[in-house]
Amino acid sequence: MNESNELIQLDKELLNDYVQRLGHGVVKQMFELYIQQVALYLNDIESSLLFDNSQLWQEHCHKMKGAAGSVGLKSLHSRLKEMEKTTTNASDKAHQLAELKIHNKQAIAAFDDWLAGL
């Protein structure tokens, strides 16, 4: 991933502060927990879509937004902030969810690249 994409994806100020205060190992553990939890969040968002439940959609997007923000995934956090507020139809939400899954993979790759470069 190139540097400009990484800057868009990651809150490096937050992440560098984490590494300085907590250490590389703890930051790595935090991110491993994110990766485990994000699979659950994505499943929950998808379930809310299948049941056409806007309240659950909002709640699950909100949870994933918080998790993404806490590990410095800046652009993913912004995307989820928009998704959380959306009142669009199920077809559009399905499209948003598909894009979210791709974006999440890109954000994880950017984080991995950043962590490997420390």
N, C-alpha and C. Protein backbone atom coordinates (compact mmCIF):
# COMPACT_ATOMS: atom_id res chain seq x y z
N MET A 1 0.86 -1.18 0.00
CA MET A 1 0.00 0.00 0.00
C MET A 1 0.89 1.22 0.00
N ASN A 2 0.55 2.21 -0.80
CA ASN A 2 1.42 3.39 -0.85
C ASN A 2 1.18 4.30 0.34
N GLU A 3 2.15 5.20 0.55
CA GLU A 3 2.13 6.06 1.73
C GLU A 3 0.89 6.93 1.82
N SER A 4 0.42 7.49 0.70
CA SER A 4 -0.74 8.37 0.77
C SER A 4 -1.99 7.61 1.19
N ASN A 5 -2.16 6.38 0.71
CA ASN A 5 -3.30 5.57 1.15
C ASN A 5 -3.19 5.26 2.64
N GLU A 6 -1.97 4.99 3.09
CA GLU A 6 -1.78 4.69 4.49
C GLU A 6 -2.16 5.88 5.36
N LEU A 7 -1.80 7.09 4.92
CA LEU A 7 -2.13 8.28 5.69
C LEU A 7 -3.63 8.49 5.76
N ILE A 8 -4.32 8.16 4.70
CA ILE A 8 -5.77 8.29 4.68
C ILE A 8 -6.40 7.25 5.61
N GLN A 9 -5.87 6.07 5.59
CA GLN A 9 -6.43 4.95 6.34
C GLN A 9 -6.21 5.07 7.85
N LEU A 10 -5.03 5.52 8.25
CA LEU A 10 -4.62 5.39 9.65
C LEU A 10 -4.48 6.73 10.37
N ASP A 11 -4.82 6.72 11.64
CA ASP A 11 -4.56 7.85 12.52
C ASP A 11 -3.20 7.57 13.16
N LYS A 12 -2.15 7.96 12.44
CA LYS A 12 -0.79 7.63 12.90
C LYS A 12 -0.42 8.32 14.20
N GLU A 13 -0.97 9.49 14.44
CA GLU A 13 -0.69 10.18 15.70
C GLU A 13 -1.18 9.33 16.88
N LEU A 14 -2.40 8.86 16.78
CA LEU A 14 -2.97 8.00 17.82
C LEU A 14 -2.16 6.71 17.96
N LEU A 15 -1.86 6.08 16.82
CA LEU A 15 -1.14 4.80 16.85
C LEU A 15 0.27 4.94 17.40
N ASN A 16 0.97 5.99 17.00
CA ASN A 16 2.32 6.20 17.53
C ASN A 16 2.28 6.47 19.02
N ASP A 17 1.25 7.17 19.48
CA ASP A 17 1.07 7.40 20.91
C ASP A 17 0.84 6.08 21.65
N TYR A 18 0.00 5.21 21.06
CA TYR A 18 -0.22 3.88 21.65
C TYR A 18 1.09 3.12 21.79
N VAL A 19 1.87 3.10 20.71
CA VAL A 19 3.13 2.35 20.73
C VAL A 19 4.07 2.92 21.80
N GLN A 20 4.13 4.23 21.88
CA GLN A 20 4.99 4.88 22.85
C GLN A 20 4.56 4.57 24.29
N ARG A 21 3.26 4.60 24.53
CA ARG A 21 2.75 4.41 25.89
C ARG A 21 2.58 2.94 26.28
N LEU A 22 2.18 2.11 25.31
CA LEU A 22 1.82 0.73 25.63
C LEU A 22 2.81 -0.30 25.13
N GLY A 23 3.54 0.05 24.11
CA GLY A 23 4.50 -0.87 23.53
C GLY A 23 3.94 -1.58 22.30
N HIS A 24 4.85 -2.01 21.46
CA HIS A 24 4.51 -2.67 20.19
C HIS A 24 3.64 -3.90 20.41
N GLY A 25 3.98 -4.72 21.39
CA GLY A 25 3.25 -5.96 21.64
C GLY A 25 1.79 -5.74 22.01
N VAL A 26 1.54 -4.75 22.84
CA VAL A 26 0.17 -4.46 23.25
C VAL A 26 -0.64 -3.93 22.06
N VAL A 27 -0.03 -3.08 21.25
CA VAL A 27 -0.72 -2.55 20.08
C VAL A 27 -1.05 -3.69 19.13
N LYS A 28 -0.12 -4.61 18.96
CA LYS A 28 -0.38 -5.77 18.10
C LYS A 28 -1.54 -6.60 18.65
N GLN A 29 -1.58 -6.79 19.96
CA GLN A 29 -2.68 -7.54 20.59
C GLN A 29 -4.01 -6.82 20.42
N MET A 30 -3.99 -5.51 20.54
CA MET A 30 -5.21 -4.71 20.35
C MET A 30 -5.76 -4.93 18.94
N PHE A 31 -4.85 -4.93 17.98
CA PHE A 31 -5.30 -5.07 16.61
C PHE A 31 -5.78 -6.49 16.32
N GLU A 32 -5.13 -7.48 16.91
CA GLU A 32 -5.60 -8.86 16.76
C GLU A 32 -7.00 -9.02 17.31
N LEU A 33 -7.29 -8.37 18.43
CA LEU A 33 -8.64 -8.39 18.99
C LEU A 33 -9.62 -7.71 18.04
N TYR A 34 -9.22 -6.59 17.45
CA TYR A 34 -10.07 -5.92 16.47
C TYR A 34 -10.43 -6.88 15.34
N ILE A 35 -9.43 -7.58 14.81
CA ILE A 35 -9.66 -8.49 13.69
C ILE A 35 -10.66 -9.58 14.08
N GLN A 36 -10.55 -10.10 15.29
CA GLN A 36 -11.51 -11.11 15.76
C GLN A 36 -12.91 -10.51 15.87
N GLN A 37 -13.00 -9.36 16.48
CA GLN A 37 -14.31 -8.74 16.73
C GLN A 37 -14.97 -8.24 15.46
N VAL A 38 -14.18 -7.76 14.50
CA VAL A 38 -14.76 -7.17 13.30
C VAL A 38 -15.55 -8.20 12.51
N ALA A 39 -15.14 -9.45 12.57
CA ALA A 39 -15.90 -10.51 11.88
C ALA A 39 -17.30 -10.59 12.47
N LEU A 40 -17.41 -10.46 13.78
CA LEU A 40 -18.72 -10.47 14.45
C LEU A 40 -19.54 -9.24 14.08
N TYR A 41 -18.88 -8.08 14.07
CA TYR A 41 -19.58 -6.84 13.73
C TYR A 41 -20.13 -6.90 12.31
N LEU A 42 -19.33 -7.38 11.38
CA LEU A 42 -19.78 -7.47 9.99
C LEU A 42 -20.96 -8.44 9.87
N ASN A 43 -20.90 -9.55 10.58
CA ASN A 43 -22.03 -10.49 10.57
C ASN A 43 -23.28 -9.85 11.15
N ASP A 44 -23.11 -9.10 12.23
CA ASP A 44 -24.26 -8.42 12.85
C ASP A 44 -24.87 -7.37 11.91
N ILE A 45 -24.01 -6.61 11.22
CA ILE A 45 -24.52 -5.61 10.27
C ILE A 45 -25.28 -6.32 9.16
N GLU A 46 -24.71 -7.42 8.68
CA GLU A 46 -25.37 -8.17 7.61
C GLU A 46 -26.71 -8.74 8.07
N SER A 47 -26.77 -9.24 9.29
CA SER A 47 -28.03 -9.76 9.83
C SER A 47 -29.09 -8.67 9.93
N SER A 48 -28.68 -7.50 10.38
CA SER A 48 -29.65 -6.41 10.48
C SER A 48 -30.20 -6.05 9.10
N LEU A 49 -29.37 -6.18 8.08
CA LEU A 49 -29.82 -5.92 6.72
C LEU A 49 -30.80 -6.99 6.27
N LEU A 50 -30.49 -8.24 6.54
CA LEU A 50 -31.37 -9.33 6.14
C LEU A 50 -32.74 -9.25 6.80
N PHE A 51 -32.76 -8.77 8.04
CA PHE A 51 -34.03 -8.62 8.76
C PHE A 51 -34.65 -7.24 8.54
N ASP A 52 -34.00 -6.43 7.71
CA ASP A 52 -34.47 -5.09 7.40
C ASP A 52 -34.77 -4.30 8.68
N ASN A 53 -33.82 -4.36 9.61
CA ASN A 53 -33.99 -3.71 10.90
C ASN A 53 -33.03 -2.51 10.99
N SER A 54 -33.56 -1.34 10.76
CA SER A 54 -32.75 -0.11 10.73
C SER A 54 -32.11 0.21 12.07
N GLN A 55 -32.82 -0.08 13.15
CA GLN A 55 -32.26 0.21 14.47
C GLN A 55 -31.03 -0.66 14.73
N LEU A 56 -31.13 -1.95 14.39
CA LEU A 56 -29.97 -2.83 14.58
C LEU A 56 -28.83 -2.44 13.64
N TRP A 57 -29.16 -2.05 12.40
CA TRP A 57 -28.15 -1.58 11.46
C TRP A 57 -27.35 -0.44 12.10
N GLN A 58 -28.08 0.52 12.66
CA GLN A 58 -27.44 1.67 13.28
C GLN A 58 -26.58 1.24 14.47
N GLU A 59 -27.10 0.39 15.33
CA GLU A 59 -26.36 -0.06 16.52
C GLU A 59 -25.09 -0.81 16.14
N HIS A 60 -25.18 -1.70 15.16
CA HIS A 60 -24.02 -2.50 14.78
C HIS A 60 -22.97 -1.67 14.05
N CYS A 61 -23.43 -0.74 13.22
CA CYS A 61 -22.47 0.18 12.57
C CYS A 61 -21.77 1.03 13.63
N HIS A 62 -22.53 1.45 14.64
CA HIS A 62 -21.97 2.25 15.72
C HIS A 62 -20.88 1.48 16.47
N LYS A 63 -21.14 0.21 16.78
CA LYS A 63 -20.15 -0.62 17.49
C LYS A 63 -18.88 -0.78 16.67
N MET A 64 -19.04 -1.08 15.39
CA MET A 64 -17.86 -1.26 14.54
C MET A 64 -17.12 0.06 14.36
N LYS A 65 -17.86 1.16 14.29
CA LYS A 65 -17.25 2.48 14.19
C LYS A 65 -16.34 2.74 15.39
N GLY A 66 -16.83 2.43 16.57
CA GLY A 66 -16.03 2.62 17.77
C GLY A 66 -14.77 1.76 17.78
N ALA A 67 -14.92 0.52 17.35
CA ALA A 67 -13.78 -0.39 17.31
C ALA A 67 -12.74 0.11 16.30
N ALA A 68 -13.20 0.53 15.13
CA ALA A 68 -12.28 1.03 14.10
C ALA A 68 -11.55 2.28 14.60
N GLY A 69 -12.28 3.17 15.24
CA GLY A 69 -11.66 4.38 15.77
C GLY A 69 -10.64 4.09 16.85
N SER A 70 -10.92 3.11 17.69
CA SER A 70 -10.02 2.82 18.80
C SER A 70 -8.69 2.22 18.36
N VAL A 71 -8.65 1.64 17.15
CA VAL A 71 -7.38 1.12 16.63
C VAL A 71 -6.82 2.00 15.50
N GLY A 72 -7.35 3.22 15.39
CA GLY A 72 -6.77 4.19 14.49
C GLY A 72 -7.12 4.04 13.02
N LEU A 73 -8.19 3.30 12.72
CA LEU A 73 -8.60 3.13 11.32
C LEU A 73 -9.50 4.30 10.94
N LYS A 74 -8.86 5.39 10.63
CA LYS A 74 -9.50 6.70 10.46
C LYS A 74 -10.56 6.72 9.36
N SER A 75 -10.21 6.29 8.17
CA SER A 75 -11.17 6.40 7.07
C SER A 75 -12.30 5.38 7.21
N LEU A 76 -11.99 4.23 7.79
CA LEU A 76 -13.04 3.23 8.04
C LEU A 76 -14.03 3.79 9.07
N HIS A 77 -13.51 4.44 10.09
CA HIS A 77 -14.35 5.07 11.10
C HIS A 77 -15.29 6.08 10.45
N SER A 78 -14.76 6.89 9.54
CA SER A 78 -15.59 7.90 8.86
C SER A 78 -16.68 7.25 8.02
N ARG A 79 -16.33 6.17 7.32
CA ARG A 79 -17.32 5.46 6.50
C ARG A 79 -18.45 4.93 7.39
N LEU A 80 -18.10 4.34 8.50
CA LEU A 80 -19.11 3.77 9.40
C LEU A 80 -19.97 4.86 10.04
N LYS A 81 -19.39 6.02 10.24
CA LYS A 81 -20.15 7.15 10.77
C LYS A 81 -21.28 7.51 9.80
N GLU A 82 -20.98 7.51 8.51
CA GLU A 82 -21.99 7.78 7.49
C GLU A 82 -23.01 6.64 7.41
N MET A 83 -22.52 5.41 7.44
CA MET A 83 -23.42 4.25 7.34
C MET A 83 -24.39 4.20 8.51
N GLU A 84 -23.90 4.53 9.68
CA GLU A 84 -24.72 4.52 10.89
C GLU A 84 -25.92 5.44 10.77
N LYS A 85 -25.76 6.54 10.06
CA LYS A 85 -26.82 7.55 9.94
C LYS A 85 -27.73 7.33 8.74
N THR A 86 -27.39 6.41 7.87
CA THR A 86 -28.13 6.26 6.62
C THR A 86 -29.56 5.77 6.86
N THR A 87 -30.45 6.28 6.04
CA THR A 87 -31.86 5.86 6.12
C THR A 87 -32.30 5.33 4.76
N THR A 88 -31.38 4.84 3.99
CA THR A 88 -31.63 4.39 2.63
C THR A 88 -32.27 3.00 2.60
N ASN A 89 -32.56 2.52 1.40
CA ASN A 89 -33.21 1.21 1.25
C ASN A 89 -32.22 0.05 1.40
N ALA A 90 -32.76 -1.14 1.47
CA ALA A 90 -31.95 -2.35 1.71
C ALA A 90 -30.95 -2.60 0.59
N SER A 91 -31.32 -2.31 -0.62
CA SER A 91 -30.41 -2.51 -1.75
C SER A 91 -29.17 -1.63 -1.62
N ASP A 92 -29.39 -0.38 -1.27
CA ASP A 92 -28.26 0.54 -1.08
C ASP A 92 -27.42 0.13 0.12
N LYS A 93 -28.08 -0.30 1.18
CA LYS A 93 -27.34 -0.76 2.37
C LYS A 93 -26.49 -1.99 2.02
N ALA A 94 -27.03 -2.88 1.19
CA ALA A 94 -26.26 -4.06 0.77
C ALA A 94 -25.01 -3.64 0.02
N HIS A 95 -25.15 -2.64 -0.83
CA HIS A 95 -24.00 -2.11 -1.57
C HIS A 95 -22.99 -1.49 -0.60
N GLN A 96 -23.48 -0.74 0.37
CA GLN A 96 -22.60 -0.12 1.37
C GLN A 96 -21.86 -1.19 2.17
N LEU A 97 -22.56 -2.26 2.52
CA LEU A 97 -21.94 -3.34 3.28
C LEU A 97 -20.83 -4.02 2.46
N ALA A 98 -21.09 -4.26 1.19
CA ALA A 98 -20.07 -4.88 0.32
C ALA A 98 -18.83 -3.99 0.25
N GLU A 99 -19.04 -2.69 0.10
CA GLU A 99 -17.92 -1.76 0.06
C GLU A 99 -17.20 -1.69 1.41
N LEU A 100 -17.95 -1.78 2.49
CA LEU A 100 -17.37 -1.76 3.83
C LEU A 100 -16.42 -2.95 4.02
N LYS A 101 -16.83 -4.10 3.56
CA LYS A 101 -15.98 -5.29 3.69
C LYS A 101 -14.65 -5.11 2.96
N ILE A 102 -14.71 -4.54 1.78
CA ILE A 102 -13.48 -4.27 1.01
C ILE A 102 -12.63 -3.23 1.73
N HIS A 103 -13.27 -2.17 2.16
CA HIS A 103 -12.56 -1.10 2.86
C HIS A 103 -11.91 -1.63 4.14
N ASN A 104 -12.60 -2.50 4.86
CA ASN A 104 -12.05 -3.07 6.08
C ASN A 104 -10.78 -3.87 5.77
N LYS A 105 -10.81 -4.67 4.71
CA LYS A 105 -9.61 -5.43 4.32
C LYS A 105 -8.46 -4.50 3.98
N GLN A 106 -8.75 -3.41 3.28
CA GLN A 106 -7.71 -2.43 2.94
C GLN A 106 -7.14 -1.77 4.19
N ALA A 107 -8.02 -1.45 5.13
CA ALA A 107 -7.58 -0.82 6.38
C ALA A 107 -6.71 -1.77 7.20
N ILE A 108 -7.09 -3.04 7.24
CA ILE A 108 -6.28 -4.04 7.95
C ILE A 108 -4.91 -4.16 7.30
N ALA A 109 -4.86 -4.16 5.99
CA ALA A 109 -3.59 -4.24 5.28
C ALA A 109 -2.72 -3.01 5.58
N ALA A 110 -3.33 -1.83 5.60
CA ALA A 110 -2.59 -0.61 5.91
C ALA A 110 -2.02 -0.67 7.33
N PHE A 111 -2.83 -1.17 8.27
CA PHE A 111 -2.36 -1.28 9.65
C PHE A 111 -1.21 -2.27 9.73
N ASP A 112 -1.35 -3.42 9.08
CA ASP A 112 -0.29 -4.43 9.08
C ASP A 112 1.01 -3.86 8.52
N ASP A 113 0.91 -3.10 7.41
CA ASP A 113 2.09 -2.47 6.81
C ASP A 113 2.73 -1.49 7.78
N TRP A 114 1.90 -0.70 8.44
CA TRP A 114 2.41 0.27 9.40
C TRP A 114 3.11 -0.44 10.56
N LEU A 115 2.47 -1.46 11.10
CA LEU A 115 3.02 -2.18 12.24
C LEU A 115 4.33 -2.88 11.87
N ALA A 116 4.37 -3.46 10.68
CA ALA A 116 5.59 -4.14 10.21
C ALA A 116 6.74 -3.16 10.02
N GLY A 117 6.41 -1.90 9.75
CA GLY A 117 7.45 -0.90 9.53
C GLY A 117 8.02 -0.29 10.80
N LEU A 118 7.51 -0.68 11.94
CA LEU A 118 8.03 -0.12 13.20
C LEU A 118 9.33 -0.77 13.61
